[in-house]
Amino acid sequence: MSEKRPSLAKSNERKDSVQKGDVTEQVVDMVSSGQILNTAVKIKEYFSVFENGEVACELLRPRLQTESVSNGRGRSLVRNFTFRKFGERPRAVLFVSWPTALSGGSFEPTDRLLSSGEPIQLSYFAQGPGGGRQIYFLAKAYFLRRSFYIQQNPSDPTKPWVGSREEAKKSLSNDIYVQGEDIAEIRVDTLTCMPNGPAFITNDIINKYCWDSKLFCIPGGGGWSQRSNQGDYFKS
């Protein structure tokens, strides 16, 4: 009996489909259960989206969440990124426009100013390295400092100019200086990517389970109006 074997043409077709594949499906499958990136090589691969344009992000200061639900939350734009060496390991540093507070709160209250090394939670939606639909990213990060940022460095147009505002006034011409803005330098240690973002509960859903409180007055103490050796529980 002759054993049936798959034709070479069909075998090659399957190999080609695996090699080419659908990049979008590969990216989604890769992050279907969440993926944590903590090496410079992998983070740089996913940060390539920032080279194509600005990406909106949200920042959260966990330090303030025990004091206020509205303070310490802000929106920003990721302008660019770089890598710097901290100790023995290179770390990613994001340049984000200075955050604007969400309505009803303050991102940086006057009595709770940002300090170097303060933990920051940064989140955004963006495409993965291979494109496709957007993925939710959550970064464990730390605030480094407030800096002055210019998109194109006069000495090297392929890189941004980053430094202090005072240094920019001294070393740059006025027409270049006016193009700058204040930014926050954020160091990213780990980046978690997930296929979906956090869920939100709207007010109409909350209202189904919450209602106005009511005060009931029970004359004479009700069921607690009993006599004991120590006297009445309630005196009417």
C-alpha atoms as a PDB file:
ATOM      1  CA  MET A   1       0.000   0.000   0.000  1.00  0.00           C
ATOM      2  CA  SER A   2       1.274   3.414  -0.904  1.00  0.00           C
ATOM      3  CA  GLU A   3       1.170   6.039   1.825  1.00  0.00           C
ATOM      4  CA  LYS A   4      -0.320   9.371   0.784  1.00  0.00           C
ATOM      5  CA  ARG A   5       1.992  12.302   1.337  1.00  0.00           C
ATOM      6  CA  PRO A   6       1.174  16.006   1.020  1.00  0.00           C
ATOM      7  CA  SER A   7       2.392  17.525  -2.214  1.00  0.00           C
ATOM      8  CA  LEU A   8       5.490  19.715  -2.107  1.00  0.00           C
ATOM      9  CA  ALA A   9       3.553  22.633  -3.577  1.00  0.00           C
ATOM     10  CA  LYS A  10       0.953  22.542  -0.796  1.00  0.00           C
ATOM     11  CA  SER A  11       3.686  22.150   1.803  1.00  0.00           C
ATOM     12  CA  ASN A  12       5.478  25.223   0.459  1.00  0.00           C
ATOM     13  CA  GLU A  13       2.221  27.163   0.441  1.00  0.00           C
ATOM     14  CA  ARG A  14       1.721  26.406   4.118  1.00  0.00           C
ATOM     15  CA  LYS A  15       5.306  27.434   4.889  1.00  0.00           C
ATOM     16  CA  ASP A  16       4.880  30.680   2.972  1.00  0.00           C
ATOM     17  CA  SER A  17       1.653  31.468   4.794  1.00  0.00           C
ATOM     18  CA  VAL A  18       3.347  30.861   8.138  1.00  0.00           C
ATOM     19  CA  GLN A  19       6.365  32.971   7.199  1.00  0.00           C
ATOM     20  CA  LYS A  20       4.321  35.836   5.743  1.00  0.00           C
ATOM     21  CA  GLY A  21       1.236  35.475   7.905  1.00  0.00           C
ATOM     22  CA  ASP A  22      -1.036  38.264   8.939  1.00  0.00           C
ATOM     23  CA  VAL A  23       1.104  40.641  10.981  1.00  0.00           C
ATOM     24  CA  THR A  24      -1.943  42.067  12.688  1.00  0.00           C
ATOM     25  CA  GLU A  25      -3.070  38.646  13.943  1.00  0.00           C
ATOM     26  CA  GLN A  26       0.446  37.833  15.124  1.00  0.00           C
ATOM     27  CA  VAL A  27       0.634  41.021  17.188  1.00  0.00           C
ATOM     28  CA  VAL A  28      -2.829  40.494  18.690  1.00  0.00           C
ATOM     29  CA  ASP A  29      -2.070  36.857  19.542  1.00  0.00           C
ATOM     30  CA  MET A  30       1.213  37.891  21.143  1.00  0.00           C
ATOM     31  CA  VAL A  31      -0.505  40.270  23.577  1.00  0.00           C
ATOM     32  CA  SER A  32      -3.772  38.373  24.037  1.00  0.00           C
ATOM     33  CA  SER A  33      -2.889  37.552  27.636  1.00  0.00           C
ATOM     34  CA  GLY A  34      -0.707  40.592  28.307  1.00  0.00           C
ATOM     35  CA  GLN A  35       3.010  40.925  27.738  1.00  0.00           C
ATOM     36  CA  ILE A  36       5.544  42.653  29.993  1.00  0.00           C
ATOM     37  CA  LEU A  37       8.544  44.244  28.293  1.00  0.00           C
ATOM     38  CA  ASN A  38      11.518  45.199  30.454  1.00  0.00           C
ATOM     39  CA  THR A  39      14.505  45.131  28.106  1.00  0.00           C
ATOM     40  CA  ALA A  40      15.755  48.069  26.055  1.00  0.00           C
ATOM     41  CA  VAL A  41      15.618  46.059  22.811  1.00  0.00           C
ATOM     42  CA  LYS A  42      11.946  45.086  23.160  1.00  0.00           C
ATOM     43  CA  ILE A  43      10.827  48.476  24.473  1.00  0.00           C
ATOM     44  CA  LYS A  44      12.585  50.236  21.591  1.00  0.00           C
ATOM     45  CA  GLU A  45      10.748  47.969  19.157  1.00  0.00           C
ATOM     46  CA  TYR A  46       7.373  49.021  20.560  1.00  0.00           C
ATOM     47  CA  PHE A  47       8.405  52.675  20.936  1.00  0.00           C
ATOM     48  CA  SER A  48       8.986  52.901  17.175  1.00  0.00           C
ATOM     49  CA  VAL A  49       5.399  54.173  16.904  1.00  0.00           C
ATOM     50  CA  PHE A  50       6.562  57.496  18.408  1.00  0.00           C
ATOM     51  CA  GLU A  51       8.835  58.051  15.406  1.00  0.00           C
ATOM     52  CA  ASN A  52       5.785  58.273  13.130  1.00  0.00           C
ATOM     53  CA  GLY A  53       4.027  61.046  15.047  1.00  0.00           C
ATOM     54  CA  GLU A  54       2.773  62.252  18.400  1.00  0.00           C
ATOM     55  CA  VAL A  55       0.762  59.869  20.574  1.00  0.00           C
ATOM     56  CA  ALA A  56      -1.729  61.001  23.216  1.00  0.00           C
ATOM     57  CA  CYS A  57      -1.224  59.545  26.676  1.00  0.00           C
ATOM     58  CA  GLU A  58      -2.542  59.819  30.228  1.00  0.00           C
ATOM     59  CA  LEU A  59      -0.445  60.148  33.368  1.00  0.00           C
ATOM     60  CA  LEU A  60      -1.353  59.195  36.913  1.00  0.00           C
ATOM     61  CA  ARG A  61       0.453  60.081  40.142  1.00  0.00           C
ATOM     62  CA  PRO A  62      -0.271  57.173  42.545  1.00  0.00           C
ATOM     63  CA  ARG A  63       1.061  59.270  45.425  1.00  0.00           C
ATOM     64  CA  LEU A  64      -1.964  61.583  45.227  1.00  0.00           C
ATOM     65  CA  GLN A  65      -4.643  58.925  44.830  1.00  0.00           C
ATOM     66  CA  THR A  66      -4.906  58.412  48.595  1.00  0.00           C
ATOM     67  CA  GLU A  67      -5.683  62.118  49.010  1.00  0.00           C
ATOM     68  CA  SER A  68      -7.887  62.972  46.030  1.00  0.00           C
ATOM     69  CA  VAL A  69      -9.601  61.160  43.160  1.00  0.00           C
ATOM     70  CA  SER A  70      -9.323  64.191  40.863  1.00  0.00           C
ATOM     71  CA  ASN A  71      -5.796  65.488  41.543  1.00  0.00           C
ATOM     72  CA  GLY A  72      -2.720  63.866  40.043  1.00  0.00           C
ATOM     73  CA  ARG A  73      -4.359  62.920  36.735  1.00  0.00           C
ATOM     74  CA  GLY A  74      -3.327  64.518  33.459  1.00  0.00           C
ATOM     75  CA  ARG A  75      -3.233  64.245  29.676  1.00  0.00           C
ATOM     76  CA  SER A  76      -0.175  64.722  27.518  1.00  0.00           C
ATOM     77  CA  LEU A  77       1.494  64.009  24.167  1.00  0.00           C
ATOM     78  CA  VAL A  78       4.568  61.842  23.693  1.00  0.00           C
ATOM     79  CA  ARG A  79       6.949  64.014  21.675  1.00  0.00           C
ATOM     80  CA  ASN A  80       9.939  61.694  21.419  1.00  0.00           C
ATOM     81  CA  PHE A  81      12.071  59.188  23.318  1.00  0.00           C
ATOM     82  CA  THR A  82      15.672  58.221  23.936  1.00  0.00           C
ATOM     83  CA  PHE A  83      17.709  55.716  25.945  1.00  0.00           C
ATOM     84  CA  ARG A  84      20.066  56.570  28.788  1.00  0.00           C
ATOM     85  CA  LYS A  85      22.191  54.459  31.051  1.00  0.00           C
ATOM     86  CA  PHE A  86      21.071  54.218  34.679  1.00  0.00           C
ATOM     87  CA  GLY A  87      23.599  52.155  36.564  1.00  0.00           C
ATOM     88  CA  GLU A  88      24.500  49.216  34.355  1.00  0.00           C
ATOM     89  CA  ARG A  89      21.281  49.086  32.326  1.00  0.00           C
ATOM     90  CA  PRO A  90      19.964  51.377  29.583  1.00  0.00           C
ATOM     91  CA  ARG A  91      16.481  52.718  30.281  1.00  0.00           C
ATOM     92  CA  ALA A  92      13.926  54.338  28.010  1.00  0.00           C
ATOM     93  CA  VAL A  93      13.157  58.017  28.621  1.00  0.00           C
ATOM     94  CA  LEU A  94      10.013  59.581  27.168  1.00  0.00           C
ATOM     95  CA  PHE A  95       9.717  63.282  26.393  1.00  0.00           C
ATOM     96  CA  VAL A  96       6.076  64.209  27.033  1.00  0.00           C
ATOM     97  CA  SER A  97       4.480  67.642  26.845  1.00  0.00           C
ATOM     98  CA  TRP A  98       3.807  69.099  30.275  1.00  0.00           C
ATOM     99  CA  PRO A  99       0.582  67.379  31.440  1.00  0.00           C
ATOM    100  CA  THR A 100      -2.696  69.273  31.594  1.00  0.00           C
ATOM    101  CA  ALA A 101      -5.022  68.297  34.423  1.00  0.00           C
ATOM    102  CA  LEU A 102      -8.316  66.564  33.853  1.00  0.00           C
ATOM    103  CA  SER A 103     -11.406  68.650  34.544  1.00  0.00           C
ATOM    104  CA  GLY A 104     -12.061  69.254  38.218  1.00  0.00           C
ATOM    105  CA  GLY A 105      -8.539  68.604  39.472  1.00  0.00           C
ATOM    106  CA  SER A 106      -4.896  69.634  39.366  1.00  0.00           C
ATOM    107  CA  PHE A 107      -2.079  67.460  38.078  1.00  0.00           C
ATOM    108  CA  GLU A 108       0.489  69.245  40.226  1.00  0.00           C
ATOM    109  CA  PRO A 109      -1.070  71.035  43.223  1.00  0.00           C
ATOM    110  CA  THR A 110       1.055  73.783  44.751  1.00  0.00           C
ATOM    111  CA  ASP A 111       1.511  71.763  47.946  1.00  0.00           C
ATOM    112  CA  ARG A 112       2.266  68.504  46.087  1.00  0.00           C
ATOM    113  CA  LEU A 113       4.898  69.414  43.502  1.00  0.00           C
ATOM    114  CA  LEU A 114       6.516  66.711  41.396  1.00  0.00           C
ATOM    115  CA  SER A 115       9.863  65.503  42.699  1.00  0.00           C
ATOM    116  CA  SER A 116      12.592  63.564  40.929  1.00  0.00           C
ATOM    117  CA  GLY A 117      12.061  59.824  41.292  1.00  0.00           C
ATOM    118  CA  GLU A 118       8.314  60.026  41.977  1.00  0.00           C
ATOM    119  CA  PRO A 119       6.440  57.000  40.534  1.00  0.00           C
ATOM    120  CA  ILE A 120       4.285  57.731  37.488  1.00  0.00           C
ATOM    121  CA  GLN A 121       1.784  55.495  35.720  1.00  0.00           C
ATOM    122  CA  LEU A 122       1.637  56.272  31.993  1.00  0.00           C
ATOM    123  CA  SER A 123      -0.883  54.722  29.592  1.00  0.00           C
ATOM    124  CA  TYR A 124      -1.721  55.099  25.909  1.00  0.00           C
ATOM    125  CA  PHE A 125      -3.238  53.366  22.886  1.00  0.00           C
ATOM    126  CA  ALA A 126      -1.046  52.725  19.840  1.00  0.00           C
ATOM    127  CA  GLN A 127      -0.322  50.183  17.142  1.00  0.00           C
ATOM    128  CA  GLY A 128       2.216  47.431  17.694  1.00  0.00           C
ATOM    129  CA  PRO A 129       5.493  47.102  15.759  1.00  0.00           C
ATOM    130  CA  GLY A 130       3.725  45.360  12.870  1.00  0.00           C
ATOM    131  CA  GLY A 131       0.778  47.744  12.659  1.00  0.00           C
ATOM    132  CA  GLY A 132      -2.792  46.481  12.855  1.00  0.00           C
ATOM    133  CA  ARG A 133      -5.365  47.521  15.408  1.00  0.00           C
ATOM    134  CA  GLN A 134      -4.413  49.574  18.432  1.00  0.00           C
ATOM    135  CA  ILE A 135      -3.120  47.993  21.634  1.00  0.00           C
ATOM    136  CA  TYR A 136      -3.325  49.335  25.183  1.00  0.00           C
ATOM    137  CA  PHE A 137       0.032  50.086  26.824  1.00  0.00           C
ATOM    138  CA  LEU A 138       0.666  50.669  30.522  1.00  0.00           C
ATOM    139  CA  ALA A 139       4.120  51.841  31.630  1.00  0.00           C
ATOM    140  CA  LYS A 140       5.671  51.701  35.077  1.00  0.00           C
ATOM    141  CA  ALA A 141       7.656  54.918  35.080  1.00  0.00           C
ATOM    142  CA  TYR A 142       9.358  57.586  37.184  1.00  0.00           C
ATOM    143  CA  PHE A 143       9.482  61.355  36.854  1.00  0.00           C
ATOM    144  CA  LEU A 144      13.005  62.636  36.185  1.00  0.00           C
ATOM    145  CA  ARG A 145      12.789  66.399  35.698  1.00  0.00           C
ATOM    146  CA  ARG A 146      11.107  69.283  33.950  1.00  0.00           C
ATOM    147  CA  SER A 147      12.989  70.334  30.805  1.00  0.00           C
ATOM    148  CA  PHE A 148      12.776  72.593  27.778  1.00  0.00           C
ATOM    149  CA  TYR A 149      12.223  70.824  24.453  1.00  0.00           C
ATOM    150  CA  ILE A 150      12.701  71.863  20.813  1.00  0.00           C
ATOM    151  CA  GLN A 151      11.726  69.389  18.107  1.00  0.00           C
ATOM    152  CA  GLN A 152      14.766  70.034  15.893  1.00  0.00           C
ATOM    153  CA  ASN A 153      18.220  70.606  17.290  1.00  0.00           C
ATOM    154  CA  PRO A 154      19.982  73.382  15.300  1.00  0.00           C
ATOM    155  CA  SER A 155      23.224  71.393  15.459  1.00  0.00           C
ATOM    156  CA  ASP A 156      21.582  68.108  14.400  1.00  0.00           C
ATOM    157  CA  PRO A 157      18.065  68.384  12.860  1.00  0.00           C
ATOM    158  CA  THR A 158      17.554  64.614  13.191  1.00  0.00           C
ATOM    159  CA  LYS A 159      17.503  64.918  16.997  1.00  0.00           C
ATOM    160  CA  PRO A 160      15.579  67.143  19.423  1.00  0.00           C
ATOM    161  CA  TRP A 161      17.169  69.736  21.684  1.00  0.00           C
ATOM    162  CA  VAL A 162      16.569  69.004  25.382  1.00  0.00           C
ATOM    163  CA  GLY A 163      17.884  71.033  28.295  1.00  0.00           C
ATOM    164  CA  SER A 164      16.961  73.733  30.777  1.00  0.00           C
ATOM    165  CA  ARG A 165      15.080  76.873  29.779  1.00  0.00           C
ATOM    166  CA  GLU A 166      17.963  79.031  31.043  1.00  0.00           C
ATOM    167  CA  GLU A 167      20.445  77.118  28.896  1.00  0.00           C
ATOM    168  CA  ALA A 168      18.172  77.494  25.858  1.00  0.00           C
ATOM    169  CA  LYS A 169      17.995  81.284  26.304  1.00  0.00           C
ATOM    170  CA  LYS A 170      21.782  81.545  26.434  1.00  0.00           C
ATOM    171  CA  SER A 171      22.744  79.171  23.626  1.00  0.00           C
ATOM    172  CA  LEU A 172      19.898  79.422  21.085  1.00  0.00           C
ATOM    173  CA  SER A 173      18.701  82.251  18.874  1.00  0.00           C
ATOM    174  CA  ASN A 174      15.317  83.787  19.628  1.00  0.00           C
ATOM    175  CA  ASP A 175      13.590  82.400  16.506  1.00  0.00           C
ATOM    176  CA  ILE A 176      14.538  78.865  17.600  1.00  0.00           C
ATOM    177  CA  TYR A 177      13.857  79.468  21.285  1.00  0.00           C
ATOM    178  CA  VAL A 178      10.206  80.423  20.667  1.00  0.00           C
ATOM    179  CA  GLN A 179       9.616  76.991  19.103  1.00  0.00           C
ATOM    180  CA  GLY A 180      10.297  75.244  22.408  1.00  0.00           C
ATOM    181  CA  GLU A 181       7.983  74.059  25.182  1.00  0.00           C
ATOM    182  CA  ASP A 182       8.166  72.663  28.699  1.00  0.00           C
ATOM    183  CA  ILE A 183       8.161  68.881  28.898  1.00  0.00           C
ATOM    184  CA  ALA A 184       8.429  66.159  31.513  1.00  0.00           C
ATOM    185  CA  GLU A 185      11.168  63.567  31.202  1.00  0.00           C
ATOM    186  CA  ILE A 186       9.730  60.190  32.214  1.00  0.00           C
ATOM    187  CA  ARG A 187      11.890  57.089  32.716  1.00  0.00           C
ATOM    188  CA  VAL A 188      10.136  53.854  31.716  1.00  0.00           C
ATOM    189  CA  ASP A 189      11.251  50.656  33.466  1.00  0.00           C
ATOM    190  CA  THR A 190       8.592  48.199  32.279  1.00  0.00           C
ATOM    191  CA  LEU A 191       5.957  48.333  29.558  1.00  0.00           C
ATOM    192  CA  THR A 192       2.876  46.110  29.675  1.00  0.00           C
ATOM    193  CA  CYS A 193       0.848  45.708  26.484  1.00  0.00           C
ATOM    194  CA  MET A 194      -2.687  44.312  26.432  1.00  0.00           C
ATOM    195  CA  PRO A 195      -5.255  43.843  23.657  1.00  0.00           C
ATOM    196  CA  ASN A 196      -7.884  45.951  25.445  1.00  0.00           C
ATOM    197  CA  GLY A 197      -7.854  48.976  27.699  1.00  0.00           C
ATOM    198  CA  PRO A 198      -9.418  49.359  31.153  1.00  0.00           C
ATOM    199  CA  ALA A 199     -13.189  49.184  31.496  1.00  0.00           C
ATOM    200  CA  PHE A 200     -15.193  52.249  32.493  1.00  0.00           C
ATOM    201  CA  ILE A 201     -18.514  52.412  34.348  1.00  0.00           C
ATOM    202  CA  THR A 202     -20.801  55.247  33.313  1.00  0.00           C
ATOM    203  CA  ASN A 203     -23.033  57.226  35.668  1.00  0.00           C
ATOM    204  CA  ASP A 204     -26.248  55.684  34.357  1.00  0.00           C
ATOM    205  CA  ILE A 205     -25.009  52.248  35.442  1.00  0.00           C
ATOM    206  CA  ILE A 206     -23.854  53.485  38.853  1.00  0.00           C
ATOM    207  CA  ASN A 207     -27.210  55.193  39.454  1.00  0.00           C
ATOM    208  CA  LYS A 208     -28.963  51.829  39.205  1.00  0.00           C
ATOM    209  CA  TYR A 209     -27.157  50.644  42.326  1.00  0.00           C
ATOM    210  CA  CYS A 210     -26.769  53.899  44.266  1.00  0.00           C
ATOM    211  CA  TRP A 211     -29.528  56.068  45.658  1.00  0.00           C
ATOM    212  CA  ASP A 212     -29.972  58.965  48.048  1.00  0.00           C
ATOM    213  CA  SER A 213     -29.565  58.074  51.697  1.00  0.00           C
ATOM    214  CA  LYS A 214     -32.618  58.339  53.992  1.00  0.00           C
ATOM    215  CA  LEU A 215     -32.820  58.947  57.721  1.00  0.00           C
ATOM    216  CA  PHE A 216     -35.402  56.967  59.722  1.00  0.00           C
ATOM    217  CA  CYS A 217     -36.374  58.114  63.243  1.00  0.00           C
ATOM    218  CA  ILE A 218     -37.701  55.389  65.563  1.00  0.00           C
ATOM    219  CA  PRO A 219     -39.555  56.892  68.567  1.00  0.00           C
ATOM    220  CA  GLY A 220     -38.804  55.329  71.924  1.00  0.00           C
ATOM    221  CA  GLY A 221     -35.861  53.301  70.659  1.00  0.00           C
ATOM    222  CA  GLY A 222     -37.910  50.673  68.809  1.00  0.00           C
ATOM    223  CA  GLY A 223     -36.687  47.141  69.323  1.00  0.00           C
ATOM    224  CA  TRP A 224     -33.767  48.397  71.428  1.00  0.00           C
ATOM    225  CA  SER A 225     -36.040  49.943  74.056  1.00  0.00           C
ATOM    226  CA  GLN A 226     -35.540  47.258  76.691  1.00  0.00           C
ATOM    227  CA  ARG A 227     -35.019  47.264  80.400  1.00  0.00           C
ATOM    228  CA  SER A 228     -31.961  45.755  81.964  1.00  0.00           C
ATOM    229  CA  ASN A 229     -30.075  45.842  85.229  1.00  0.00           C
ATOM    230  CA  GLN A 230     -28.090  48.778  83.864  1.00  0.00           C
ATOM    231  CA  GLY A 231     -31.220  50.748  82.941  1.00  0.00           C
ATOM    232  CA  ASP A 232     -32.948  51.605  79.680  1.00  0.00           C
ATOM    233  CA  TYR A 233     -31.060  51.509  76.403  1.00  0.00           C
ATOM    234  CA  PHE A 234     -32.920  54.621  75.286  1.00  0.00           C
ATOM    235  CA  LYS A 235     -34.706  57.213  77.339  1.00  0.00           C
ATOM    236  CA  SER A 236     -37.706  58.793  75.659  1.00  0.00           C
END
